[in-house]
C-alpha atoms as a PDB file:
ATOM      1  CA  UNK A   1      77.861-245.481-104.572  1.00  0.00           C
ATOM      2  CA  UNK A   2      77.942-244.539-100.910  1.00  0.00           C
ATOM      3  CA  UNK A   3      76.650-241.828 -98.600  1.00  0.00           C
ATOM      4  CA  UNK A   4      79.594-242.378 -96.264  1.00  0.00           C
ATOM      5  CA  UNK A   5      80.997-239.132 -94.879  1.00  0.00           C
ATOM      6  CA  UNK A   6      77.849-237.108 -95.480  1.00  0.00           C
ATOM      7  CA  UNK A   7      76.042-235.237 -92.700  1.00  0.00           C
ATOM      8  CA  UNK A   8      72.439-235.857 -91.688  1.00  0.00           C
ATOM      9  CA  UNK A   9      70.016-233.940 -89.489  1.00  0.00           C
ATOM     10  CA  UNK A  10      67.418-236.132 -87.811  1.00  0.00           C
ATOM     11  CA  UNK A  11      64.681-234.436 -85.824  1.00  0.00           C
ATOM     12  CA  UNK A  12      62.964-236.406 -83.093  1.00  0.00           C
ATOM     13  CA  UNK A  13      66.084-238.542 -82.828  1.00  0.00           C
ATOM     14  CA  UNK A  14      66.046-238.943 -79.052  1.00  0.00           C
ATOM     15  CA  UNK A  15      64.061-242.181 -79.079  1.00  0.00           C
ATOM     16  CA  UNK A  16      61.916-244.585 -81.066  1.00  0.00           C
ATOM     17  CA  UNK A  17      61.941-244.317 -84.841  1.00  0.00           C
ATOM     18  CA  UNK A  18      64.259-241.306 -84.831  1.00  0.00           C
ATOM     19  CA  UNK A  19      66.899-243.082 -82.762  1.00  0.00           C
ATOM     20  CA  UNK A  20      66.731-246.163 -84.995  1.00  0.00           C
ATOM     21  CA  UNK A  21      67.244-243.952 -88.052  1.00  0.00           C
ATOM     22  CA  UNK A  22      70.239-242.228 -86.445  1.00  0.00           C
ATOM     23  CA  UNK A  23      71.970-245.501 -85.619  1.00  0.00           C
ATOM     24  CA  UNK A  24      71.256-246.917 -89.081  1.00  0.00           C
ATOM     25  CA  UNK A  25      72.744-243.848 -90.720  1.00  0.00           C
ATOM     26  CA  UNK A  26      75.802-244.031 -88.485  1.00  0.00           C
ATOM     27  CA  UNK A  27      76.261-247.626 -89.593  1.00  0.00           C
ATOM     28  CA  UNK A  28      76.424-246.352 -93.163  1.00  0.00           C
ATOM     29  CA  UNK A  29      79.180-243.902 -92.266  1.00  0.00           C
ATOM     30  CA  UNK A  30      77.007-240.803 -91.909  1.00  0.00           C
ATOM     31  CA  UNK A  31      77.636-238.106 -89.284  1.00  0.00           C
ATOM     32  CA  UNK A  32      74.419-237.268 -87.469  1.00  0.00           C
ATOM     33  CA  UNK A  33      72.956-234.220 -85.740  1.00  0.00           C
ATOM     34  CA  UNK A  34      70.114-235.170 -83.400  1.00  0.00           C
ATOM     35  CA  UNK A  35      67.525-232.428 -82.896  1.00  0.00           C
ATOM     36  CA  UNK A  36      65.002-232.989 -80.124  1.00  0.00           C
ATOM     37  CA  UNK A  37      63.395-231.360 -77.098  1.00  0.00           C
ATOM     38  CA  UNK A  38      64.600-234.333 -75.052  1.00  0.00           C
ATOM     39  CA  UNK A  39      68.240-233.406 -74.503  1.00  0.00           C
ATOM     40  CA  UNK A  40      68.993-236.480 -72.383  1.00  0.00           C
ATOM     41  CA  UNK A  41      67.587-238.809 -75.021  1.00  0.00           C
ATOM     42  CA  UNK A  42      69.406-236.961 -77.798  1.00  0.00           C
ATOM     43  CA  UNK A  43      72.691-237.343 -75.930  1.00  0.00           C
ATOM     44  CA  UNK A  44      72.073-241.080 -75.523  1.00  0.00           C
ATOM     45  CA  UNK A  45      71.445-241.388 -79.261  1.00  0.00           C
ATOM     46  CA  UNK A  46      74.619-239.396 -79.909  1.00  0.00           C
ATOM     47  CA  UNK A  47      76.598-241.901 -77.859  1.00  0.00           C
ATOM     48  CA  UNK A  48      75.271-244.701 -80.051  1.00  0.00           C
ATOM     49  CA  UNK A  49      76.288-242.814 -83.173  1.00  0.00           C
ATOM     50  CA  UNK A  50      79.798-242.255 -81.787  1.00  0.00           C
ATOM     51  CA  UNK A  51      80.017-245.925 -80.812  1.00  0.00           C
ATOM     52  CA  UNK A  52      79.408-246.723 -84.488  1.00  0.00           C
ATOM     53  CA  UNK A  53      82.454-244.644 -85.361  1.00  0.00           C
ATOM     54  CA  UNK A  54      80.772-241.461 -86.573  1.00  0.00           C
ATOM     55  CA  UNK A  55      80.501-237.906 -85.299  1.00  0.00           C
ATOM     56  CA  UNK A  56      77.333-236.817 -83.519  1.00  0.00           C
ATOM     57  CA  UNK A  57      75.826-233.563 -82.321  1.00  0.00           C
ATOM     58  CA  UNK A  58      72.802-233.522 -79.984  1.00  0.00           C
ATOM     59  CA  UNK A  59      70.885-230.241 -79.999  1.00  0.00           C
ATOM     60  CA  UNK A  60      67.868-229.302 -77.895  1.00  0.00           C
ATOM     61  CA  UNK A  61      65.366-227.460 -80.082  1.00  0.00           C
ATOM     62  CA  UNK A  62      61.638-227.052 -80.630  1.00  0.00           C
ATOM     63  CA  UNK A  63      61.162-227.594 -84.371  1.00  0.00           C
ATOM     64  CA  UNK A  64      58.092-225.343 -84.370  1.00  0.00           C
ATOM     65  CA  UNK A  65      60.397-222.379 -83.645  1.00  0.00           C
ATOM     66  CA  UNK A  66      61.854-220.984 -86.867  1.00  0.00           C
ATOM     67  CA  UNK A  67      64.542-219.059 -84.990  1.00  0.00           C
ATOM     68  CA  UNK A  68      65.487-222.122 -82.935  1.00  0.00           C
ATOM     69  CA  UNK A  69      65.766-224.308 -86.022  1.00  0.00           C
ATOM     70  CA  UNK A  70      67.857-221.734 -87.884  1.00  0.00           C
ATOM     71  CA  UNK A  71      70.274-221.525 -84.952  1.00  0.00           C
ATOM     72  CA  UNK A  72      70.447-225.324 -84.775  1.00  0.00           C
ATOM     73  CA  UNK A  73      71.228-225.623 -88.487  1.00  0.00           C
ATOM     74  CA  UNK A  74      74.024-223.078 -88.138  1.00  0.00           C
ATOM     75  CA  UNK A  75      75.456-225.082 -85.244  1.00  0.00           C
ATOM     76  CA  UNK A  76      75.360-228.278 -87.292  1.00  0.00           C
ATOM     77  CA  UNK A  77      77.060-226.561 -90.203  1.00  0.00           C
ATOM     78  CA  UNK A  78      79.815-225.228 -87.929  1.00  0.00           C
ATOM     79  CA  UNK A  79      80.444-228.537 -86.177  1.00  0.00           C
ATOM     80  CA  UNK A  80      79.707-231.241 -88.744  1.00  0.00           C
ATOM     81  CA  UNK A  81      79.901-229.402 -92.051  1.00  0.00           C
ATOM     82  CA  UNK A  82      77.413-229.084 -94.887  1.00  0.00           C
ATOM     83  CA  UNK A  83      74.086-230.873 -94.422  1.00  0.00           C
ATOM     84  CA  UNK A  84      73.234-233.433 -97.106  1.00  0.00           C
ATOM     85  CA  UNK A  85      70.400-235.456 -95.534  1.00  0.00           C
ATOM     86  CA  UNK A  86      67.338-234.348 -93.567  1.00  0.00           C
ATOM     87  CA  UNK A  87      64.902-236.652 -91.806  1.00  0.00           C
ATOM     88  CA  UNK A  88      61.889-234.814 -90.388  1.00  0.00           C
ATOM     89  CA  UNK A  89      60.728-237.196 -87.667  1.00  0.00           C
ATOM     90  CA  UNK A  90      59.891-234.929 -84.718  1.00  0.00           C
ATOM     91  CA  UNK A  91      56.296-235.387 -83.676  1.00  0.00           C
ATOM     92  CA  UNK A  92      53.674-235.607 -80.979  1.00  0.00           C
ATOM     93  CA  UNK A  93      50.459-237.573 -80.782  1.00  0.00           C
ATOM     94  CA  UNK A  94      47.291-237.652 -78.725  1.00  0.00           C
ATOM     95  CA  UNK A  95      43.741-238.886 -78.990  1.00  0.00           C
ATOM     96  CA  UNK A  96      41.218-236.050 -79.029  1.00  0.00           C
ATOM     97  CA  UNK A  97      37.638-236.346 -80.313  1.00  0.00           C
ATOM     98  CA  UNK A  98      37.057-233.450 -82.667  1.00  0.00           C
ATOM     99  CA  UNK A  99      34.061-232.044 -80.768  1.00  0.00           C
ATOM    100  CA  UNK A 100      36.230-231.829 -77.636  1.00  0.00           C
ATOM    101  CA  UNK A 101      39.406-230.584 -79.321  1.00  0.00           C
ATOM    102  CA  UNK A 102      40.712-227.191 -78.278  1.00  0.00           C
ATOM    103  CA  UNK A 103      42.227-224.638 -80.601  1.00  0.00           C
ATOM    104  CA  UNK A 104      45.494-224.993 -78.684  1.00  0.00           C
ATOM    105  CA  UNK A 105      45.570-228.742 -79.333  1.00  0.00           C
ATOM    106  CA  UNK A 106      44.977-228.203 -83.048  1.00  0.00           C
ATOM    107  CA  UNK A 107      47.583-225.445 -83.300  1.00  0.00           C
ATOM    108  CA  UNK A 108      50.279-227.407 -81.466  1.00  0.00           C
ATOM    109  CA  UNK A 109      49.800-230.500 -83.618  1.00  0.00           C
ATOM    110  CA  UNK A 110      50.067-228.485 -86.834  1.00  0.00           C
ATOM    111  CA  UNK A 111      53.006-226.462 -85.481  1.00  0.00           C
ATOM    112  CA  UNK A 112      55.153-229.439 -84.522  1.00  0.00           C
ATOM    113  CA  UNK A 113      54.460-231.609 -87.551  1.00  0.00           C
ATOM    114  CA  UNK A 114      53.735-229.354 -90.500  1.00  0.00           C
ATOM    115  CA  UNK A 115      55.434-226.105 -89.522  1.00  0.00           C
ATOM    116  CA  UNK A 116      58.332-228.071 -88.036  1.00  0.00           C
ATOM    117  CA  UNK A 117      58.843-229.860 -91.344  1.00  0.00           C
ATOM    118  CA  UNK A 118      58.744-226.505 -93.144  1.00  0.00           C
ATOM    119  CA  UNK A 119      61.187-224.880 -90.714  1.00  0.00           C
ATOM    120  CA  UNK A 120      63.765-227.654 -90.855  1.00  0.00           C
ATOM    121  CA  UNK A 121      63.575-228.096 -94.617  1.00  0.00           C
ATOM    122  CA  UNK A 122      64.011-224.398 -95.267  1.00  0.00           C
ATOM    123  CA  UNK A 123      66.986-224.240 -92.892  1.00  0.00           C
ATOM    124  CA  UNK A 124      69.024-227.005 -94.552  1.00  0.00           C
ATOM    125  CA  UNK A 125      68.188-226.475 -98.230  1.00  0.00           C
ATOM    126  CA  UNK A 126      71.004-224.015 -99.020  1.00  0.00           C
ATOM    127  CA  UNK A 127      73.642-226.694 -98.374  1.00  0.00           C
ATOM    128  CA  UNK A 128      71.848-229.231-100.554  1.00  0.00           C
ATOM    129  CA  UNK A 129      71.286-226.790-103.398  1.00  0.00           C
ATOM    130  CA  UNK A 130      74.939-225.757-103.324  1.00  0.00           C
ATOM    131  CA  UNK A 131      76.042-229.404-103.405  1.00  0.00           C
ATOM    132  CA  UNK A 132      73.585-230.337-106.144  1.00  0.00           C
ATOM    133  CA  UNK A 133      72.625-233.375-104.036  1.00  0.00           C
ATOM    134  CA  UNK A 134      70.267-233.953-101.148  1.00  0.00           C
ATOM    135  CA  UNK A 135      67.859-236.355 -99.529  1.00  0.00           C
ATOM    136  CA  UNK A 136      64.804-235.237 -97.571  1.00  0.00           C
ATOM    137  CA  UNK A 137      62.603-237.812 -95.858  1.00  0.00           C
ATOM    138  CA  UNK A 138      59.463-236.680 -94.054  1.00  0.00           C
ATOM    139  CA  UNK A 139      57.785-238.942 -91.514  1.00  0.00           C
ATOM    140  CA  UNK A 140      54.048-238.905 -92.121  1.00  0.00           C
ATOM    141  CA  UNK A 141      51.656-241.621 -90.929  1.00  0.00           C
ATOM    142  CA  UNK A 142      49.148-244.086 -92.279  1.00  0.00           C
ATOM    143  CA  UNK A 143      46.652-241.833 -90.492  1.00  0.00           C
ATOM    144  CA  UNK A 144      47.471-239.184 -93.094  1.00  0.00           C
ATOM    145  CA  UNK A 145      46.343-241.636 -95.780  1.00  0.00           C
ATOM    146  CA  UNK A 146      43.350-243.302 -94.186  1.00  0.00           C
ATOM    147  CA  UNK A 147      42.297-241.024 -91.334  1.00  0.00           C
ATOM    148  CA  UNK A 148      41.338-242.323 -87.906  1.00  0.00           C
ATOM    149  CA  UNK A 149      38.728-241.385 -85.295  1.00  0.00           C
ATOM    150  CA  UNK A 150      40.141-239.247 -82.513  1.00  0.00           C
ATOM    151  CA  UNK A 151      43.104-238.228 -84.638  1.00  0.00           C
ATOM    152  CA  UNK A 152      41.646-235.462 -86.808  1.00  0.00           C
ATOM    153  CA  UNK A 153      44.392-232.952 -85.983  1.00  0.00           C
ATOM    154  CA  UNK A 154      47.119-235.588 -86.264  1.00  0.00           C
ATOM    155  CA  UNK A 155      45.780-236.924 -89.573  1.00  0.00           C
ATOM    156  CA  UNK A 156      45.474-233.396 -90.951  1.00  0.00           C
ATOM    157  CA  UNK A 157      49.072-232.607 -90.020  1.00  0.00           C
ATOM    158  CA  UNK A 158      50.392-235.848 -91.490  1.00  0.00           C
ATOM    159  CA  UNK A 159      48.281-235.471 -94.621  1.00  0.00           C
ATOM    160  CA  UNK A 160      49.721-231.989 -94.986  1.00  0.00           C
ATOM    161  CA  UNK A 161      53.227-233.436 -94.788  1.00  0.00           C
ATOM    162  CA  UNK A 162      52.401-235.824 -97.621  1.00  0.00           C
ATOM    163  CA  UNK A 163      51.145-232.973 -99.820  1.00  0.00           C
ATOM    164  CA  UNK A 164      54.179-230.875 -98.859  1.00  0.00           C
ATOM    165  CA  UNK A 165      56.439-233.754 -99.864  1.00  0.00           C
ATOM    166  CA  UNK A 166      54.906-234.147-103.300  1.00  0.00           C
ATOM    167  CA  UNK A 167      54.902-230.428-104.082  1.00  0.00           C
ATOM    168  CA  UNK A 168      58.486-229.915-102.936  1.00  0.00           C
ATOM    169  CA  UNK A 169      59.685-232.927-104.915  1.00  0.00           C
ATOM    170  CA  UNK A 170      58.537-231.143-108.079  1.00  0.00           C
ATOM    171  CA  UNK A 171      60.516-228.033-107.163  1.00  0.00           C
ATOM    172  CA  UNK A 172      63.743-229.641-105.998  1.00  0.00           C
ATOM    173  CA  UNK A 173      64.167-232.481-108.488  1.00  0.00           C
ATOM    174  CA  UNK A 174      66.117-230.341-110.974  1.00  0.00           C
ATOM    175  CA  UNK A 175      68.537-229.459-108.150  1.00  0.00           C
ATOM    176  CA  UNK A 176      69.481-233.081-107.497  1.00  0.00           C
ATOM    177  CA  UNK A 177      67.417-233.283-104.310  1.00  0.00           C
ATOM    178  CA  UNK A 178      64.829-235.977-103.694  1.00  0.00           C
ATOM    179  CA  UNK A 179      61.907-235.552-101.298  1.00  0.00           C
ATOM    180  CA  UNK A 180      59.963-238.561-100.060  1.00  0.00           C
ATOM    181  CA  UNK A 181      57.678-239.503 -97.202  1.00  0.00           C
ATOM    182  CA  UNK A 182      57.302-242.545 -94.980  1.00  0.00           C
ATOM    183  CA  UNK A 183      53.819-243.230 -93.604  1.00  0.00           C
ATOM    184  CA  UNK A 184      54.225-245.878 -90.889  1.00  0.00           C
ATOM    185  CA  UNK A 185      51.432-247.931 -89.443  1.00  0.00           C
ATOM    186  CA  UNK A 186      51.372-248.872 -85.760  1.00  0.00           C
ATOM    187  CA  UNK A 187      54.954-248.978 -84.470  1.00  0.00           C
ATOM    188  CA  UNK A 188      56.138-250.151 -81.058  1.00  0.00           C
ATOM    189  CA  UNK A 189      57.718-246.974 -79.687  1.00  0.00           C
ATOM    190  CA  UNK A 190      57.848-245.276 -76.273  1.00  0.00           C
ATOM    191  CA  UNK A 191      55.104-242.896 -77.432  1.00  0.00           C
ATOM    192  CA  UNK A 192      52.830-245.825 -78.290  1.00  0.00           C
ATOM    193  CA  UNK A 193      53.549-247.508 -74.959  1.00  0.00           C
ATOM    194  CA  UNK A 194      52.898-244.506 -72.720  1.00  0.00           C
ATOM    195  CA  UNK A 195      49.130-244.821 -72.685  1.00  0.00           C
ATOM    196  CA  UNK A 196      48.367-243.347 -76.086  1.00  0.00           C
ATOM    197  CA  UNK A 197      46.613-246.558 -77.124  1.00  0.00           C
ATOM    198  CA  UNK A 198      44.951-249.133 -74.909  1.00  0.00           C
ATOM    199  CA  UNK A 199      46.004-252.776 -75.014  1.00  0.00           C
ATOM    200  CA  UNK A 200      42.704-253.530 -76.716  1.00  0.00           C
ATOM    201  CA  UNK A 201      43.356-250.976 -79.463  1.00  0.00           C
ATOM    202  CA  UNK A 202      46.839-252.373 -80.053  1.00  0.00           C
ATOM    203  CA  UNK A 203      45.505-255.937 -80.201  1.00  0.00           C
ATOM    204  CA  UNK A 204      42.846-254.897 -82.708  1.00  0.00           C
ATOM    205  CA  UNK A 205      45.465-253.266 -84.927  1.00  0.00           C
ATOM    206  CA  UNK A 206      47.762-256.284 -84.750  1.00  0.00           C
ATOM    207  CA  UNK A 207      45.078-258.843 -85.562  1.00  0.00           C
ATOM    208  CA  UNK A 208      43.817-256.667 -88.408  1.00  0.00           C
ATOM    209  CA  UNK A 209      47.195-256.628 -90.160  1.00  0.00           C
ATOM    210  CA  UNK A 210      48.322-259.461 -92.448  1.00  0.00           C
ATOM    211  CA  UNK A 211      51.760-259.654 -90.790  1.00  0.00           C
ATOM    212  CA  UNK A 212      50.123-260.006 -87.347  1.00  0.00           C
ATOM    213  CA  UNK A 213      52.526-257.797 -85.408  1.00  0.00           C
ATOM    214  CA  UNK A 214      53.376-254.199 -84.601  1.00  0.00           C
ATOM    215  CA  UNK A 215      56.109-252.549 -86.559  1.00  0.00           C
ATOM    216  CA  UNK A 216      59.480-251.857 -84.984  1.00  0.00           C
ATOM    217  CA  UNK A 217      61.551-248.679 -85.229  1.00  0.00           C
ATOM    218  CA  UNK A 218      64.053-250.660 -87.291  1.00  0.00           C
ATOM    219  CA  UNK A 219      61.330-251.489 -89.832  1.00  0.00           C
ATOM    220  CA  UNK A 220      60.898-247.778 -90.460  1.00  0.00           C
ATOM    221  CA  UNK A 221      64.621-247.024 -90.317  1.00  0.00           C
ATOM    222  CA  UNK A 222      65.189-249.633 -93.034  1.00  0.00           C
ATOM    223  CA  UNK A 223      62.773-247.807 -95.320  1.00  0.00           C
ATOM    224  CA  UNK A 224      64.501-244.526 -94.558  1.00  0.00           C
ATOM    225  CA  UNK A 225      67.903-246.051 -95.315  1.00  0.00           C
ATOM    226  CA  UNK A 226      66.784-246.797 -98.847  1.00  0.00           C
ATOM    227  CA  UNK A 227      65.277-243.359 -99.432  1.00  0.00           C
ATOM    228  CA  UNK A 228      68.447-241.508 -98.386  1.00  0.00           C
ATOM    229  CA  UNK A 229      70.740-243.794-100.392  1.00  0.00           C
ATOM    230  CA  UNK A 230      72.313-243.195-103.775  1.00  0.00           C
ATOM    231  CA  UNK A 231      70.158-246.071-105.033  1.00  0.00           C
ATOM    232  CA  UNK A 232      67.044-243.928-104.538  1.00  0.00           C
ATOM    233  CA  UNK A 233      68.112-241.171-106.902  1.00  0.00           C
ATOM    234  CA  UNK A 234      65.185-241.923-109.237  1.00  0.00           C
ATOM    235  CA  UNK A 235      62.655-242.046-106.383  1.00  0.00           C
ATOM    236  CA  UNK A 236      61.038-238.765-105.389  1.00  0.00           C
ATOM    237  CA  UNK A 237      57.606-237.508-104.380  1.00  0.00           C
ATOM    238  CA  UNK A 238      56.695-240.974-103.125  1.00  0.00           C
ATOM    239  CA  UNK A 239      54.959-242.190 -99.964  1.00  0.00           C
ATOM    240  CA  UNK A 240      56.322-245.468 -98.632  1.00  0.00           C
ATOM    241  CA  UNK A 241      53.969-246.961 -96.033  1.00  0.00           C
ATOM    242  CA  UNK A 242      55.393-249.803 -93.910  1.00  0.00           C
ATOM    243  CA  UNK A 243      52.216-250.787 -92.082  1.00  0.00           C
ATOM    244  CA  UNK A 244      52.130-254.575 -92.089  1.00  0.00           C
ATOM    245  CA  UNK A 245      49.476-254.574 -94.790  1.00  0.00           C
ATOM    246  CA  UNK A 246      46.772-253.089 -92.562  1.00  0.00           C
ATOM    247  CA  UNK A 247      46.300-250.281 -95.106  1.00  0.00           C
ATOM    248  CA  UNK A 248      46.836-251.055 -98.798  1.00  0.00           C
END
């Protein structure tokens, strides 16, 4: 059974993990809407989707804005049709010791990750409920499972996404909709390489993992491909953590 011809919304699809997910989905015959604040990056991802033979729609939106997300979902529906797949990948990250963390830093982290996941899920659910079929994949983090110093706000947001995933899976299962989370470990993305982590921190993470390397965006996209497939119809409320074995 195939997901060919279905429509997906991928937030944070302008680069990194989100872009890899978009191109993987396009390879499976899925039309993709790319929601991101980075319009240029979203347009580049859209070109890759079109090159794979599928339709694409890049939309600039801040997922923490309920009104913005609602408008984006309406645009997707008008241009690509009913939405069957949602991947909540939009995110930000920073290191901030808790005793130095501002209220604004805390609020922004929760708004983008947790509220953004809420906004996008609420906006696309009517199509899935009407179809009696849907796949929702929320990008969490291994930090939401294990915690990490300097990432209290990030870990709290990602842990909230995991709890959100499990609770919503209970509600939506009878409607034919699965809800799962992916909690990646350290992945080699532009965000990781722009000074978020020092070379020493990256080396420590790599040597501490059994596979002895960083993850790639394709590693995470492969996990997502399974979770949105017809083969995953009996898998819901789960947290899949591709992390190279660093956290078990």
